[in-house]
Amino acid sequence: MKTCTAPMRYEHRAIRWWTDQIASADVADVHELQRLLYGVHALIKVHLSREEDLYVAALESPSWPAGT
């Protein structure tokens, strides 16, 4: 499972980067804000889908929870 979570950690850092960009964007620059919002939306949508696939499969695994 550890190797499966490496992309998730990368995506968490990427989401933080996008939100930092949004926070520092000029609120008058509608085009830039729209670009940033569409970008973070796409990333979050893919990320949540991947998390759901990964973690639902883990929860449905007969070896979950670990050590039982």
N, C-alpha and C. Protein backbone atom coordinates (compact mmCIF):
# COMPACT_ATOMS: atom_id res chain seq x y z
N MET A 1 0.83 -1.20 0.00
CA MET A 1 0.00 0.00 0.00
C MET A 1 0.86 1.25 0.00
N LYS A 2 2.07 1.15 0.56
CA LYS A 2 2.92 2.32 0.68
C LYS A 2 3.25 2.92 -0.68
N THR A 3 3.57 2.07 -1.69
CA THR A 3 3.90 2.58 -3.02
C THR A 3 2.68 3.20 -3.69
N CYS A 4 1.50 2.75 -3.33
CA CYS A 4 0.28 3.32 -3.90
C CYS A 4 0.00 4.71 -3.36
N THR A 5 0.51 5.02 -2.19
CA THR A 5 0.21 6.31 -1.60
C THR A 5 1.17 7.41 -2.04
N ALA A 6 2.29 7.06 -2.68
CA ALA A 6 3.24 8.08 -3.14
C ALA A 6 2.57 9.08 -4.09
N PRO A 7 1.79 8.63 -5.08
CA PRO A 7 1.11 9.61 -5.94
C PRO A 7 0.12 10.48 -5.17
N MET A 8 -0.48 9.90 -4.12
CA MET A 8 -1.44 10.66 -3.32
C MET A 8 -0.73 11.80 -2.59
N ARG A 9 0.45 11.51 -2.06
CA ARG A 9 1.21 12.56 -1.37
C ARG A 9 1.61 13.66 -2.35
N TYR A 10 2.00 13.26 -3.56
CA TYR A 10 2.34 14.25 -4.58
C TYR A 10 1.12 15.12 -4.89
N GLU A 11 -0.03 14.49 -5.04
CA GLU A 11 -1.25 15.24 -5.35
C GLU A 11 -1.62 16.19 -4.21
N HIS A 12 -1.41 15.77 -2.97
CA HIS A 12 -1.69 16.66 -1.83
C HIS A 12 -0.80 17.90 -1.91
N ARG A 13 0.48 17.71 -2.24
CA ARG A 13 1.38 18.87 -2.40
C ARG A 13 0.93 19.74 -3.57
N ALA A 14 0.51 19.11 -4.66
CA ALA A 14 0.06 19.87 -5.83
C ALA A 14 -1.20 20.68 -5.51
N ILE A 15 -2.11 20.10 -4.76
CA ILE A 15 -3.33 20.82 -4.37
C ILE A 15 -2.97 22.02 -3.51
N ARG A 16 -2.01 21.83 -2.58
CA ARG A 16 -1.56 22.96 -1.77
C ARG A 16 -0.96 24.05 -2.65
N TRP A 17 -0.16 23.66 -3.65
CA TRP A 17 0.44 24.64 -4.56
C TRP A 17 -0.64 25.43 -5.29
N TRP A 18 -1.64 24.73 -5.84
CA TRP A 18 -2.72 25.41 -6.56
C TRP A 18 -3.48 26.36 -5.64
N THR A 19 -3.78 25.94 -4.41
CA THR A 19 -4.52 26.81 -3.50
C THR A 19 -3.67 28.02 -3.09
N ASP A 20 -2.37 27.82 -2.97
CA ASP A 20 -1.49 28.97 -2.70
C ASP A 20 -1.53 29.96 -3.86
N GLN A 21 -1.53 29.44 -5.07
CA GLN A 21 -1.60 30.31 -6.25
C GLN A 21 -2.91 31.09 -6.29
N ILE A 22 -4.00 30.42 -5.94
CA ILE A 22 -5.30 31.08 -5.90
C ILE A 22 -5.30 32.18 -4.83
N ALA A 23 -4.74 31.85 -3.66
CA ALA A 23 -4.71 32.82 -2.56
C ALA A 23 -3.90 34.07 -2.91
N SER A 24 -2.88 33.91 -3.73
CA SER A 24 -2.04 35.05 -4.05
C SER A 24 -2.39 35.72 -5.38
N ALA A 25 -3.41 35.22 -6.05
CA ALA A 25 -3.81 35.78 -7.35
C ALA A 25 -4.51 37.13 -7.16
N ASP A 26 -4.41 37.93 -8.18
CA ASP A 26 -5.09 39.23 -8.21
C ASP A 26 -6.58 38.98 -8.44
N VAL A 27 -7.41 39.40 -7.49
CA VAL A 27 -8.85 39.14 -7.60
C VAL A 27 -9.48 39.84 -8.80
N ALA A 28 -8.81 40.84 -9.34
CA ALA A 28 -9.34 41.54 -10.52
C ALA A 28 -9.01 40.79 -11.81
N ASP A 29 -8.09 39.83 -11.75
CA ASP A 29 -7.69 39.08 -12.94
C ASP A 29 -8.58 37.85 -13.09
N VAL A 30 -9.74 38.06 -13.65
CA VAL A 30 -10.74 37.01 -13.76
C VAL A 30 -10.23 35.83 -14.57
N HIS A 31 -9.53 36.10 -15.66
CA HIS A 31 -9.01 35.02 -16.51
C HIS A 31 -8.05 34.12 -15.73
N GLU A 32 -7.14 34.71 -14.96
CA GLU A 32 -6.18 33.93 -14.18
C GLU A 32 -6.88 33.15 -13.07
N LEU A 33 -7.82 33.78 -12.39
CA LEU A 33 -8.56 33.06 -11.35
C LEU A 33 -9.34 31.89 -11.93
N GLN A 34 -9.95 32.10 -13.08
CA GLN A 34 -10.69 31.02 -13.72
C GLN A 34 -9.75 29.87 -14.09
N ARG A 35 -8.58 30.19 -14.64
CA ARG A 35 -7.60 29.17 -15.01
C ARG A 35 -7.18 28.38 -13.77
N LEU A 36 -6.88 29.08 -12.69
CA LEU A 36 -6.46 28.42 -11.46
C LEU A 36 -7.57 27.55 -10.87
N LEU A 37 -8.78 28.07 -10.86
CA LEU A 37 -9.89 27.30 -10.30
C LEU A 37 -10.21 26.06 -11.11
N TYR A 38 -10.19 26.18 -12.43
CA TYR A 38 -10.40 24.99 -13.27
C TYR A 38 -9.30 23.97 -13.04
N GLY A 39 -8.06 24.44 -12.89
CA GLY A 39 -6.94 23.54 -12.67
C GLY A 39 -7.06 22.78 -11.36
N VAL A 40 -7.33 23.49 -10.28
CA VAL A 40 -7.43 22.81 -8.98
C VAL A 40 -8.68 21.92 -8.94
N HIS A 41 -9.74 22.32 -9.59
CA HIS A 41 -10.94 21.49 -9.65
C HIS A 41 -10.65 20.17 -10.34
N ALA A 42 -9.97 20.21 -11.46
CA ALA A 42 -9.63 18.99 -12.20
C ALA A 42 -8.75 18.08 -11.35
N LEU A 43 -7.76 18.66 -10.71
CA LEU A 43 -6.85 17.87 -9.88
C LEU A 43 -7.59 17.23 -8.71
N ILE A 44 -8.43 17.99 -8.04
CA ILE A 44 -9.17 17.45 -6.89
C ILE A 44 -10.13 16.35 -7.34
N LYS A 45 -10.78 16.54 -8.46
CA LYS A 45 -11.73 15.54 -8.98
C LYS A 45 -11.01 14.21 -9.24
N VAL A 46 -9.87 14.27 -9.90
CA VAL A 46 -9.09 13.05 -10.17
C VAL A 46 -8.57 12.46 -8.87
N HIS A 47 -8.09 13.30 -7.99
CA HIS A 47 -7.53 12.85 -6.72
C HIS A 47 -8.59 12.11 -5.88
N LEU A 48 -9.76 12.67 -5.77
CA LEU A 48 -10.81 12.03 -4.98
C LEU A 48 -11.25 10.71 -5.59
N SER A 49 -11.29 10.65 -6.90
CA SER A 49 -11.63 9.41 -7.58
C SER A 49 -10.58 8.34 -7.30
N ARG A 50 -9.30 8.74 -7.36
CA ARG A 50 -8.21 7.80 -7.08
C ARG A 50 -8.27 7.34 -5.62
N GLU A 51 -8.50 8.27 -4.70
CA GLU A 51 -8.61 7.89 -3.28
C GLU A 51 -9.74 6.90 -3.07
N GLU A 52 -10.86 7.17 -3.69
CA GLU A 52 -12.00 6.27 -3.53
C GLU A 52 -11.65 4.87 -4.04
N ASP A 53 -11.06 4.79 -5.22
CA ASP A 53 -10.68 3.49 -5.77
C ASP A 53 -9.69 2.77 -4.86
N LEU A 54 -8.71 3.50 -4.39
CA LEU A 54 -7.65 2.91 -3.59
C LEU A 54 -8.15 2.47 -2.23
N TYR A 55 -8.86 3.35 -1.54
CA TYR A 55 -9.24 3.07 -0.17
C TYR A 55 -10.47 2.18 -0.06
N VAL A 56 -11.38 2.26 -0.98
CA VAL A 56 -12.52 1.34 -0.95
C VAL A 56 -12.03 -0.08 -1.19
N ALA A 57 -11.10 -0.24 -2.15
CA ALA A 57 -10.53 -1.56 -2.40
C ALA A 57 -9.82 -2.08 -1.16
N ALA A 58 -9.09 -1.22 -0.46
CA ALA A 58 -8.39 -1.63 0.76
C ALA A 58 -9.39 -2.04 1.84
N LEU A 59 -10.45 -1.28 1.99
CA LEU A 59 -11.45 -1.59 3.03
C LEU A 59 -12.19 -2.88 2.73
N GLU A 60 -12.35 -3.19 1.45
CA GLU A 60 -13.06 -4.41 1.08
C GLU A 60 -12.14 -5.63 1.05
N SER A 61 -10.87 -5.41 1.26
CA SER A 61 -9.89 -6.49 1.25
C SER A 61 -10.07 -7.38 2.47
N PRO A 62 -9.95 -8.70 2.29
CA PRO A 62 -10.10 -9.60 3.45
C PRO A 62 -9.00 -9.40 4.48
N SER A 63 -7.88 -8.79 4.10
CA SER A 63 -6.79 -8.59 5.06
C SER A 63 -6.91 -7.28 5.81
N TRP A 64 -8.01 -6.53 5.62
CA TRP A 64 -8.20 -5.27 6.33
C TRP A 64 -9.02 -5.51 7.57
N PRO A 65 -8.73 -4.98 8.66
CA PRO A 65 -7.56 -4.16 8.96
C PRO A 65 -6.32 -5.02 9.09
N ALA A 66 -5.20 -4.39 8.87
CA ALA A 66 -3.92 -5.11 8.92
C ALA A 66 -3.72 -5.74 10.29
N GLY A 67 -3.16 -6.92 10.28
CA GLY A 67 -2.87 -7.58 11.54
C GLY A 67 -3.99 -8.47 12.05
N THR A 68 -5.07 -8.59 11.26
CA THR A 68 -6.14 -9.47 11.74
C THR A 68 -6.12 -10.77 10.99
